[in-house]
Amino acid sequence: MRAYDYSSAVFPGSAVVFASPHSGRDYPRAFLAASILDRRSLRSSEDAFVDCFLRAAPEAGAPVLTGLIPRAYVDFNRAASELDPALIAGLSTRGLNPRIASGLGVIPRVVAGGRAIYRGKITRNEANERLRRYWQPYHDKLTEIMNEQRKLFGRAILLDMHSMPCDAVSMNGQHTTLRPDIVLGDRFGAAAHAEITDAVARVFSEAGLRVARNSPFAGAYIAQRYGMPSIGQHTIQIEIDRSLYMDERRVEPSSDFAQFQALMDDVVRKLARIGGEASPALPLAAE
């Protein structure tokens, strides 16, 4: 099984890179056999079908990196060091961050709703093998792409595409009447210049979608690792409300899927143009 799929730009014309780290749905047979959950329950952790919304990117001049391994098996949006001692045998319980403590480390212990994936623990060797075979190749490739974009265009803009449950905002204690369709996370400006986040927000707003920033999702490991505006490298985590295009309970496309996919085709083309525009407000890495 491969860690990722990569589609290069047909004609490189944009500093933008699109990535979908959580839309992988290739479940190893041994994993399915070891889990106490059925396949549909495991799929509740996927950003299902997000990769389908990036099909217009290569012809628009932007490359696409798609994770093929499910998030329930290896989470590319966590650091390799975020190992869960409640799942992996022989680990210390010291220094746990809230993600690990809740079961959402780089090798997840639970899926959506806090449902346990396994009956017991896995070995440290198995965890290390997953990281070696899947996590490391994905991040090696993403690093290579970002470096290449900076060489070609003087900057790189990673748009890290995700999806969120329709109740994610209401669960966070926010008002739901005007619940956002899109949440942009740039780690409150630490991962991307404001001008770039503003431009991304405009594209979604002009498509008729409600946009929020940094709440309840400000950007996780990928935004932290690859968002380095000081060297001309910017990262924005983009969360899309799943209810716009899918039946969350069944993990199936809804009747609105084709319409939303067409809308996203246009959005992706316009997002790619952001990386093709020169602006004196956006300093290049060479400076």
C-alpha atoms as a PDB file:
ATOM      1  CA  MET A   1       0.000   0.000   0.000  1.00  0.00           C
ATOM      2  CA  ARG A   2       1.226   3.466  -0.884  1.00  0.00           C
ATOM      3  CA  ALA A   3       1.293   6.330   1.595  1.00  0.00           C
ATOM      4  CA  TYR A   4       0.131   8.995  -0.847  1.00  0.00           C
ATOM      5  CA  ASP A   5      -0.867   9.941  -4.365  1.00  0.00           C
ATOM      6  CA  TYR A   6       0.775  12.903  -6.055  1.00  0.00           C
ATOM      7  CA  SER A   7      -0.521  14.873  -9.037  1.00  0.00           C
ATOM      8  CA  SER A   8       1.876  17.453 -10.411  1.00  0.00           C
ATOM      9  CA  ALA A   9       0.705  20.643 -12.076  1.00  0.00           C
ATOM     10  CA  VAL A  10       0.092  20.235 -15.805  1.00  0.00           C
ATOM     11  CA  PHE A  11       1.952  23.510 -16.345  1.00  0.00           C
ATOM     12  CA  PRO A  12       3.437  24.857 -13.092  1.00  0.00           C
ATOM     13  CA  GLY A  13       1.853  28.267 -12.658  1.00  0.00           C
ATOM     14  CA  SER A  14       1.078  28.677  -8.980  1.00  0.00           C
ATOM     15  CA  ALA A  15       2.933  28.705  -5.674  1.00  0.00           C
ATOM     16  CA  VAL A  16      -0.115  27.004  -4.143  1.00  0.00           C
ATOM     17  CA  VAL A  17       0.050  23.364  -3.036  1.00  0.00           C
ATOM     18  CA  PHE A  18      -3.160  21.505  -2.251  1.00  0.00           C
ATOM     19  CA  ALA A  19      -3.028  18.604   0.201  1.00  0.00           C
ATOM     20  CA  SER A  20      -5.639  16.254   1.643  1.00  0.00           C
ATOM     21  CA  PRO A  21      -3.999  14.228   4.428  1.00  0.00           C
ATOM     22  CA  HIS A  22      -7.176  12.688   5.874  1.00  0.00           C
ATOM     23  CA  SER A  23      -9.178  11.502   2.851  1.00  0.00           C
ATOM     24  CA  GLY A  24      -7.363   8.149   2.608  1.00  0.00           C
ATOM     25  CA  ARG A  25      -9.634   5.110   2.538  1.00  0.00           C
ATOM     26  CA  ASP A  26      -7.273   2.174   1.863  1.00  0.00           C
ATOM     27  CA  TYR A  27      -7.805   0.097   5.012  1.00  0.00           C
ATOM     28  CA  PRO A  28      -5.218  -2.660   5.608  1.00  0.00           C
ATOM     29  CA  ARG A  29      -6.912  -6.042   6.047  1.00  0.00           C
ATOM     30  CA  ALA A  30      -4.977  -6.771   9.236  1.00  0.00           C
ATOM     31  CA  PHE A  31      -6.153  -3.465  10.689  1.00  0.00           C
ATOM     32  CA  LEU A  32      -9.804  -4.214   9.894  1.00  0.00           C
ATOM     33  CA  ALA A  33      -9.420  -7.645  11.476  1.00  0.00           C
ATOM     34  CA  ALA A  34      -7.799  -6.242  14.623  1.00  0.00           C
ATOM     35  CA  SER A  35     -10.319  -3.442  15.159  1.00  0.00           C
ATOM     36  CA  ILE A  36     -13.452  -3.883  17.257  1.00  0.00           C
ATOM     37  CA  LEU A  37     -15.228  -1.373  14.997  1.00  0.00           C
ATOM     38  CA  ASP A  38     -16.818  -1.984  11.606  1.00  0.00           C
ATOM     39  CA  ARG A  39     -15.554  -0.243   8.494  1.00  0.00           C
ATOM     40  CA  ARG A  40     -18.258   2.443   8.521  1.00  0.00           C
ATOM     41  CA  SER A  41     -17.409   3.386  12.103  1.00  0.00           C
ATOM     42  CA  LEU A  42     -13.716   3.584  11.252  1.00  0.00           C
ATOM     43  CA  ARG A  43     -14.570   5.833   8.321  1.00  0.00           C
ATOM     44  CA  SER A  44     -16.134   8.393  10.653  1.00  0.00           C
ATOM     45  CA  SER A  45     -12.621   9.777  11.193  1.00  0.00           C
ATOM     46  CA  GLU A  46     -12.012  10.321   7.470  1.00  0.00           C
ATOM     47  CA  ASP A  47     -12.225  13.618   5.681  1.00  0.00           C
ATOM     48  CA  ALA A  48     -14.202  11.558   3.208  1.00  0.00           C
ATOM     49  CA  PHE A  49     -14.283  12.750  -0.425  1.00  0.00           C
ATOM     50  CA  VAL A  50     -12.234  15.911   0.199  1.00  0.00           C
ATOM     51  CA  ASP A  51      -9.728  14.654  -2.366  1.00  0.00           C
ATOM     52  CA  CYS A  52     -12.541  14.704  -4.960  1.00  0.00           C
ATOM     53  CA  PHE A  53     -12.722  18.484  -4.640  1.00  0.00           C
ATOM     54  CA  LEU A  54      -9.134  18.999  -5.804  1.00  0.00           C
ATOM     55  CA  ARG A  55      -9.465  17.552  -9.299  1.00  0.00           C
ATOM     56  CA  ALA A  56      -9.213  20.987 -10.984  1.00  0.00           C
ATOM     57  CA  ALA A  57      -5.911  21.914  -9.322  1.00  0.00           C
ATOM     58  CA  PRO A  58      -3.320  20.357 -11.701  1.00  0.00           C
ATOM     59  CA  GLU A  59      -4.783  22.059 -14.782  1.00  0.00           C
ATOM     60  CA  ALA A  60      -4.953  25.294 -12.788  1.00  0.00           C
ATOM     61  CA  GLY A  61      -1.190  25.061 -12.237  1.00  0.00           C
ATOM     62  CA  ALA A  62      -1.055  23.666  -8.696  1.00  0.00           C
ATOM     63  CA  PRO A  63       0.129  20.239  -7.468  1.00  0.00           C
ATOM     64  CA  VAL A  64      -1.951  17.972  -5.221  1.00  0.00           C
ATOM     65  CA  LEU A  65      -0.781  15.577  -2.487  1.00  0.00           C
ATOM     66  CA  THR A  66      -3.380  13.114  -1.199  1.00  0.00           C
ATOM     67  CA  GLY A  67      -2.900  10.734   1.706  1.00  0.00           C
ATOM     68  CA  LEU A  68      -4.060   7.206   0.888  1.00  0.00           C
ATOM     69  CA  ILE A  69      -3.779   5.699   4.372  1.00  0.00           C
ATOM     70  CA  PRO A  70      -6.788   6.259   6.654  1.00  0.00           C
ATOM     71  CA  ARG A  71      -6.510   8.663   9.532  1.00  0.00           C
ATOM     72  CA  ALA A  72      -7.682   5.918  11.917  1.00  0.00           C
ATOM     73  CA  TYR A  73      -4.493   3.999  11.029  1.00  0.00           C
ATOM     74  CA  VAL A  74      -1.913   6.824  10.862  1.00  0.00           C
ATOM     75  CA  ASP A  75      -2.635  10.525  11.284  1.00  0.00           C
ATOM     76  CA  PHE A  76      -0.446  12.660   9.017  1.00  0.00           C
ATOM     77  CA  ASN A  77      -1.584  15.787  10.885  1.00  0.00           C
ATOM     78  CA  ARG A  78       0.211  14.770  14.077  1.00  0.00           C
ATOM     79  CA  ALA A  79       3.891  14.797  14.944  1.00  0.00           C
ATOM     80  CA  ALA A  80       5.644  11.425  14.837  1.00  0.00           C
ATOM     81  CA  SER A  81       6.409  11.916  18.527  1.00  0.00           C
ATOM     82  CA  GLU A  82       2.722  12.115  19.501  1.00  0.00           C
ATOM     83  CA  LEU A  83       2.534   8.485  20.615  1.00  0.00           C
ATOM     84  CA  ASP A  84      -0.215   7.354  22.977  1.00  0.00           C
ATOM     85  CA  PRO A  85       0.884   5.217  25.964  1.00  0.00           C
ATOM     86  CA  ALA A  86      -2.712   4.096  26.452  1.00  0.00           C
ATOM     87  CA  LEU A  87      -2.471   2.374  23.051  1.00  0.00           C
ATOM     88  CA  ILE A  88       1.213   1.611  22.482  1.00  0.00           C
ATOM     89  CA  ALA A  89       2.937  -0.756  24.896  1.00  0.00           C
ATOM     90  CA  GLY A  90       6.021   0.360  26.788  1.00  0.00           C
ATOM     91  CA  LEU A  91       5.626   4.142  26.580  1.00  0.00           C
ATOM     92  CA  SER A  92       5.961   6.643  29.383  1.00  0.00           C
ATOM     93  CA  THR A  93       2.833   8.511  30.450  1.00  0.00           C
ATOM     94  CA  ARG A  94       4.732  11.740  31.073  1.00  0.00           C
ATOM     95  CA  GLY A  95       4.317  14.874  28.976  1.00  0.00           C
ATOM     96  CA  LEU A  96       1.064  14.036  27.218  1.00  0.00           C
ATOM     97  CA  ASN A  97      -0.642  16.826  25.295  1.00  0.00           C
ATOM     98  CA  PRO A  98      -4.468  17.030  25.136  1.00  0.00           C
ATOM     99  CA  ARG A  99      -4.617  15.381  21.697  1.00  0.00           C
ATOM    100  CA  ILE A 100      -2.750  12.304  22.874  1.00  0.00           C
ATOM    101  CA  ALA A 101      -4.681  12.156  26.131  1.00  0.00           C
ATOM    102  CA  SER A 102      -7.969  12.136  24.201  1.00  0.00           C
ATOM    103  CA  GLY A 103      -6.799   9.239  22.017  1.00  0.00           C
ATOM    104  CA  LEU A 104      -5.957  11.281  18.935  1.00  0.00           C
ATOM    105  CA  GLY A 105      -2.217  10.840  18.645  1.00  0.00           C
ATOM    106  CA  VAL A 106      -0.298   9.972  15.496  1.00  0.00           C
ATOM    107  CA  ILE A 107      -1.552   6.391  15.871  1.00  0.00           C
ATOM    108  CA  PRO A 108      -5.150   7.044  16.977  1.00  0.00           C
ATOM    109  CA  ARG A 109      -6.737   5.065  19.774  1.00  0.00           C
ATOM    110  CA  VAL A 110     -10.284   6.284  19.041  1.00  0.00           C
ATOM    111  CA  VAL A 111     -12.419   7.482  16.144  1.00  0.00           C
ATOM    112  CA  ALA A 112     -15.114  10.175  16.123  1.00  0.00           C
ATOM    113  CA  GLY A 113     -17.242  10.141  19.237  1.00  0.00           C
ATOM    114  CA  GLY A 114     -14.419   8.699  21.328  1.00  0.00           C
ATOM    115  CA  ARG A 115     -15.095   5.120  20.199  1.00  0.00           C
ATOM    116  CA  ALA A 116     -12.160   2.792  20.868  1.00  0.00           C
ATOM    117  CA  ILE A 117     -10.551   1.207  17.803  1.00  0.00           C
ATOM    118  CA  TYR A 118      -8.807  -1.697  19.570  1.00  0.00           C
ATOM    119  CA  ARG A 119      -9.450  -4.060  22.476  1.00  0.00           C
ATOM    120  CA  GLY A 120      -5.954  -3.716  23.868  1.00  0.00           C
ATOM    121  CA  LYS A 121      -2.579  -2.269  22.981  1.00  0.00           C
ATOM    122  CA  ILE A 122      -0.311  -2.531  19.941  1.00  0.00           C
ATOM    123  CA  THR A 123       3.451  -2.991  20.097  1.00  0.00           C
ATOM    124  CA  ARG A 124       5.969  -0.190  19.779  1.00  0.00           C
ATOM    125  CA  ASN A 125       7.437  -2.015  16.770  1.00  0.00           C
ATOM    126  CA  GLU A 126       4.094  -1.935  14.984  1.00  0.00           C
ATOM    127  CA  ALA A 127       3.691   1.775  15.688  1.00  0.00           C
ATOM    128  CA  ASN A 128       7.216   2.478  14.427  1.00  0.00           C
ATOM    129  CA  GLU A 129       6.569   0.451  11.268  1.00  0.00           C
ATOM    130  CA  ARG A 130       3.462   2.482  10.445  1.00  0.00           C
ATOM    131  CA  LEU A 131       5.421   5.674  10.853  1.00  0.00           C
ATOM    132  CA  ARG A 132       8.269   4.359   8.702  1.00  0.00           C
ATOM    133  CA  ARG A 133       6.079   3.048   5.884  1.00  0.00           C
ATOM    134  CA  TYR A 134       3.455   5.803   5.721  1.00  0.00           C
ATOM    135  CA  TRP A 135       3.977   8.886   7.904  1.00  0.00           C
ATOM    136  CA  GLN A 136       7.591   9.526   6.907  1.00  0.00           C
ATOM    137  CA  PRO A 137       7.102   9.142   3.127  1.00  0.00           C
ATOM    138  CA  TYR A 138       4.106  11.500   3.196  1.00  0.00           C
ATOM    139  CA  HIS A 139       6.036  14.219   4.985  1.00  0.00           C
ATOM    140  CA  ASP A 140       9.177  13.651   2.931  1.00  0.00           C
ATOM    141  CA  LYS A 141       7.094  14.247  -0.207  1.00  0.00           C
ATOM    142  CA  LEU A 142       5.314  17.296   1.191  1.00  0.00           C
ATOM    143  CA  THR A 143       8.649  18.807   2.237  1.00  0.00           C
ATOM    144  CA  GLU A 144      10.028  18.160  -1.260  1.00  0.00           C
ATOM    145  CA  ILE A 145       7.010  19.823  -2.898  1.00  0.00           C
ATOM    146  CA  MET A 146       7.178  22.884  -0.676  1.00  0.00           C
ATOM    147  CA  ASN A 147      10.896  23.312  -1.303  1.00  0.00           C
ATOM    148  CA  GLU A 148      10.361  22.998  -5.054  1.00  0.00           C
ATOM    149  CA  GLN A 149       7.574  25.596  -5.007  1.00  0.00           C
ATOM    150  CA  ARG A 150       9.804  28.062  -3.187  1.00  0.00           C
ATOM    151  CA  LYS A 151      12.546  27.501  -5.750  1.00  0.00           C
ATOM    152  CA  LEU A 152      10.123  28.055  -8.632  1.00  0.00           C
ATOM    153  CA  PHE A 153       8.031  30.912  -7.269  1.00  0.00           C
ATOM    154  CA  GLY A 154       9.956  32.396  -4.352  1.00  0.00           C
ATOM    155  CA  ARG A 155       7.241  31.243  -1.959  1.00  0.00           C
ATOM    156  CA  ALA A 156       4.996  28.265  -1.260  1.00  0.00           C
ATOM    157  CA  ILE A 157       1.379  28.356  -0.092  1.00  0.00           C
ATOM    158  CA  LEU A 158       0.063  25.102   1.363  1.00  0.00           C
ATOM    159  CA  LEU A 159      -3.715  24.785   1.488  1.00  0.00           C
ATOM    160  CA  ASP A 160      -4.260  21.818   3.797  1.00  0.00           C
ATOM    161  CA  MET A 161      -7.767  20.554   3.063  1.00  0.00           C
ATOM    162  CA  HIS A 162      -9.960  18.934   5.723  1.00  0.00           C
ATOM    163  CA  SER A 163     -13.622  18.467   6.607  1.00  0.00           C
ATOM    164  CA  MET A 164     -15.522  19.040   9.834  1.00  0.00           C
ATOM    165  CA  PRO A 165     -18.691  17.462  11.259  1.00  0.00           C
ATOM    166  CA  CYS A 166     -21.697  19.742  10.820  1.00  0.00           C
ATOM    167  CA  ASP A 167     -22.040  19.995  14.608  1.00  0.00           C
ATOM    168  CA  ALA A 168     -18.375  20.862  15.203  1.00  0.00           C
ATOM    169  CA  VAL A 169     -19.087  24.536  15.814  1.00  0.00           C
ATOM    170  CA  SER A 170     -22.170  24.007  17.984  1.00  0.00           C
ATOM    171  CA  MET A 171     -20.215  21.452  20.037  1.00  0.00           C
ATOM    172  CA  ASN A 172     -17.682  24.200  20.629  1.00  0.00           C
ATOM    173  CA  GLY A 173     -20.330  26.346  22.320  1.00  0.00           C
ATOM    174  CA  GLN A 174     -20.796  28.788  19.456  1.00  0.00           C
ATOM    175  CA  HIS A 175     -24.042  30.119  18.018  1.00  0.00           C
ATOM    176  CA  THR A 176     -25.297  27.837  15.265  1.00  0.00           C
ATOM    177  CA  THR A 177     -27.702  30.080  13.315  1.00  0.00           C
ATOM    178  CA  LEU A 178     -24.870  31.362  11.146  1.00  0.00           C
ATOM    179  CA  ARG A 179     -22.633  28.333  11.495  1.00  0.00           C
ATOM    180  CA  PRO A 180     -19.639  28.679   9.144  1.00  0.00           C
ATOM    181  CA  ASP A 181     -19.347  26.497   6.063  1.00  0.00           C
ATOM    182  CA  ILE A 182     -15.573  26.970   6.017  1.00  0.00           C
ATOM    183  CA  VAL A 183     -13.075  27.471   8.846  1.00  0.00           C
ATOM    184  CA  LEU A 184      -9.623  28.771   7.947  1.00  0.00           C
ATOM    185  CA  GLY A 185      -6.825  28.056  10.418  1.00  0.00           C
ATOM    186  CA  ASP A 186      -3.550  29.959  10.120  1.00  0.00           C
ATOM    187  CA  ARG A 187      -2.590  29.629  13.800  1.00  0.00           C
ATOM    188  CA  PHE A 188      -3.702  33.237  14.340  1.00  0.00           C
ATOM    189  CA  GLY A 189      -1.264  34.537  11.742  1.00  0.00           C
ATOM    190  CA  ALA A 190       1.733  32.455  12.786  1.00  0.00           C
ATOM    191  CA  ALA A 191       1.422  30.059   9.827  1.00  0.00           C
ATOM    192  CA  ALA A 192       0.548  32.480   6.996  1.00  0.00           C
ATOM    193  CA  HIS A 193       0.615  36.179   6.218  1.00  0.00           C
ATOM    194  CA  ALA A 194      -2.732  37.882   6.758  1.00  0.00           C
ATOM    195  CA  GLU A 195      -2.889  38.976   3.108  1.00  0.00           C
ATOM    196  CA  ILE A 196      -2.892  35.345   1.987  1.00  0.00           C
ATOM    197  CA  THR A 197      -5.521  34.269   4.505  1.00  0.00           C
ATOM    198  CA  ASP A 198      -7.640  37.268   3.452  1.00  0.00           C
ATOM    199  CA  ALA A 199      -7.357  36.256  -0.201  1.00  0.00           C
ATOM    200  CA  VAL A 200      -8.375  32.655   0.555  1.00  0.00           C
ATOM    201  CA  ALA A 201     -11.324  33.875   2.626  1.00  0.00           C
ATOM    202  CA  ARG A 202     -12.493  36.096  -0.239  1.00  0.00           C
ATOM    203  CA  VAL A 203     -12.550  33.194  -2.679  1.00  0.00           C
ATOM    204  CA  PHE A 204     -14.814  31.133  -0.434  1.00  0.00           C
ATOM    205  CA  SER A 205     -17.013  34.104   0.487  1.00  0.00           C
ATOM    206  CA  GLU A 206     -17.501  35.057  -3.143  1.00  0.00           C
ATOM    207  CA  ALA A 207     -18.617  31.462  -3.779  1.00  0.00           C
ATOM    208  CA  GLY A 208     -21.443  32.034  -1.289  1.00  0.00           C
ATOM    209  CA  LEU A 209     -19.894  30.178   1.655  1.00  0.00           C
ATOM    210  CA  ARG A 210     -19.741  31.505   5.218  1.00  0.00           C
ATOM    211  CA  VAL A 211     -16.163  31.725   6.473  1.00  0.00           C
ATOM    212  CA  ALA A 212     -14.741  31.775  10.002  1.00  0.00           C
ATOM    213  CA  ARG A 213     -11.133  31.949  11.123  1.00  0.00           C
ATOM    214  CA  ASN A 214      -9.207  29.985  13.733  1.00  0.00           C
ATOM    215  CA  SER A 215     -12.225  28.842  15.717  1.00  0.00           C
ATOM    216  CA  PRO A 216     -12.789  26.060  16.463  1.00  0.00           C
ATOM    217  CA  PHE A 217      -9.850  24.944  14.283  1.00  0.00           C
ATOM    218  CA  ALA A 218      -6.695  27.059  14.218  1.00  0.00           C
ATOM    219  CA  GLY A 219      -4.434  24.516  12.501  1.00  0.00           C
ATOM    220  CA  ALA A 220      -2.665  21.466  13.863  1.00  0.00           C
ATOM    221  CA  TYR A 221       0.732  19.838  13.243  1.00  0.00           C
ATOM    222  CA  ILE A 222       0.928  20.442   9.478  1.00  0.00           C
ATOM    223  CA  ALA A 223       0.169  24.146   9.851  1.00  0.00           C
ATOM    224  CA  GLN A 224       2.700  24.373  12.656  1.00  0.00           C
ATOM    225  CA  ARG A 225       5.429  22.481  10.803  1.00  0.00           C
ATOM    226  CA  TYR A 226       5.046  23.960   7.326  1.00  0.00           C
ATOM    227  CA  GLY A 227       3.791  27.444   8.152  1.00  0.00           C
ATOM    228  CA  MET A 228       6.955  29.556   8.141  1.00  0.00           C
ATOM    229  CA  PRO A 229       6.101  32.976   6.698  1.00  0.00           C
ATOM    230  CA  SER A 230       9.581  34.296   7.491  1.00  0.00           C
ATOM    231  CA  ILE A 231      11.027  32.109   4.704  1.00  0.00           C
ATOM    232  CA  GLY A 232       8.105  32.607   2.317  1.00  0.00           C
ATOM    233  CA  GLN A 233       6.295  29.417   3.280  1.00  0.00           C
ATOM    234  CA  HIS A 234       2.642  29.759   4.267  1.00  0.00           C
ATOM    235  CA  THR A 235       0.100  27.191   5.438  1.00  0.00           C
ATOM    236  CA  ILE A 236      -3.648  27.477   5.931  1.00  0.00           C
ATOM    237  CA  GLN A 237      -5.763  24.600   7.242  1.00  0.00           C
ATOM    238  CA  ILE A 238      -9.148  24.614   5.514  1.00  0.00           C
ATOM    239  CA  GLU A 239     -12.125  22.855   7.124  1.00  0.00           C
ATOM    240  CA  ILE A 240     -15.258  22.231   5.029  1.00  0.00           C
ATOM    241  CA  ASP A 241     -18.650  21.461   6.586  1.00  0.00           C
ATOM    242  CA  ARG A 242     -19.434  17.846   5.638  1.00  0.00           C
ATOM    243  CA  SER A 243     -23.170  18.465   5.541  1.00  0.00           C
ATOM    244  CA  LEU A 244     -22.660  20.479   2.338  1.00  0.00           C
ATOM    245  CA  TYR A 245     -21.938  17.338   0.332  1.00  0.00           C
ATOM    246  CA  MET A 246     -22.301  14.081   2.268  1.00  0.00           C
ATOM    247  CA  ASP A 247     -24.432  11.931   4.537  1.00  0.00           C
ATOM    248  CA  GLU A 248     -22.212  11.820   7.621  1.00  0.00           C
ATOM    249  CA  ARG A 249     -23.875   8.815   9.212  1.00  0.00           C
ATOM    250  CA  ARG A 250     -23.556   6.641   6.123  1.00  0.00           C
ATOM    251  CA  VAL A 251     -20.288   8.217   4.923  1.00  0.00           C
ATOM    252  CA  GLU A 252     -21.785   8.551   1.460  1.00  0.00           C
ATOM    253  CA  PRO A 253     -22.127  11.438  -1.008  1.00  0.00           C
ATOM    254  CA  SER A 254     -25.413  13.294  -0.660  1.00  0.00           C
ATOM    255  CA  SER A 255     -27.692  14.427  -3.478  1.00  0.00           C
ATOM    256  CA  ASP A 256     -25.848  17.788  -3.378  1.00  0.00           C
ATOM    257  CA  PHE A 257     -22.449  16.233  -4.006  1.00  0.00           C
ATOM    258  CA  ALA A 258     -22.119  16.930  -7.756  1.00  0.00           C
ATOM    259  CA  GLN A 259     -23.280  20.509  -7.328  1.00  0.00           C
ATOM    260  CA  PHE A 260     -20.828  21.147  -4.512  1.00  0.00           C
ATOM    261  CA  GLN A 261     -18.015  19.475  -6.436  1.00  0.00           C
ATOM    262  CA  ALA A 262     -18.656  21.832  -9.357  1.00  0.00           C
ATOM    263  CA  LEU A 263     -18.568  24.790  -6.963  1.00  0.00           C
ATOM    264  CA  MET A 264     -15.271  23.544  -5.529  1.00  0.00           C
ATOM    265  CA  ASP A 265     -13.799  23.156  -9.022  1.00  0.00           C
ATOM    266  CA  ASP A 266     -14.274  26.898  -9.480  1.00  0.00           C
ATOM    267  CA  VAL A 267     -13.033  27.676  -5.952  1.00  0.00           C
ATOM    268  CA  VAL A 268      -9.863  25.607  -6.467  1.00  0.00           C
ATOM    269  CA  ARG A 269      -9.075  27.378  -9.751  1.00  0.00           C
ATOM    270  CA  LYS A 270      -9.397  30.747  -8.029  1.00  0.00           C
ATOM    271  CA  LEU A 271      -7.336  29.623  -5.030  1.00  0.00           C
ATOM    272  CA  ALA A 272      -4.585  28.513  -7.394  1.00  0.00           C
ATOM    273  CA  ARG A 273      -4.507  32.012  -8.882  1.00  0.00           C
ATOM    274  CA  ILE A 274      -3.533  33.410  -5.481  1.00  0.00           C
ATOM    275  CA  GLY A 275      -0.194  31.663  -5.893  1.00  0.00           C
ATOM    276  CA  GLY A 276       0.300  33.124  -9.338  1.00  0.00           C
ATOM    277  CA  GLU A 277      -0.175  36.723  -8.326  1.00  0.00           C
ATOM    278  CA  ALA A 278       2.799  38.894  -7.401  1.00  0.00           C
ATOM    279  CA  SER A 279       2.198  41.346  -4.584  1.00  0.00           C
ATOM    280  CA  PRO A 280       4.611  43.753  -2.899  1.00  0.00           C
ATOM    281  CA  ALA A 281       2.768  43.019   0.367  1.00  0.00           C
ATOM    282  CA  LEU A 282       3.900  39.390   0.239  1.00  0.00           C
ATOM    283  CA  PRO A 283       7.691  39.216   0.570  1.00  0.00           C
ATOM    284  CA  LEU A 284       9.475  36.482  -1.365  1.00  0.00           C
ATOM    285  CA  ALA A 285      11.781  33.959   0.243  1.00  0.00           C
ATOM    286  CA  ALA A 286      14.739  35.415  -1.694  1.00  0.00           C
ATOM    287  CA  GLU A 287      14.293  38.655   0.207  1.00  0.00           C
END
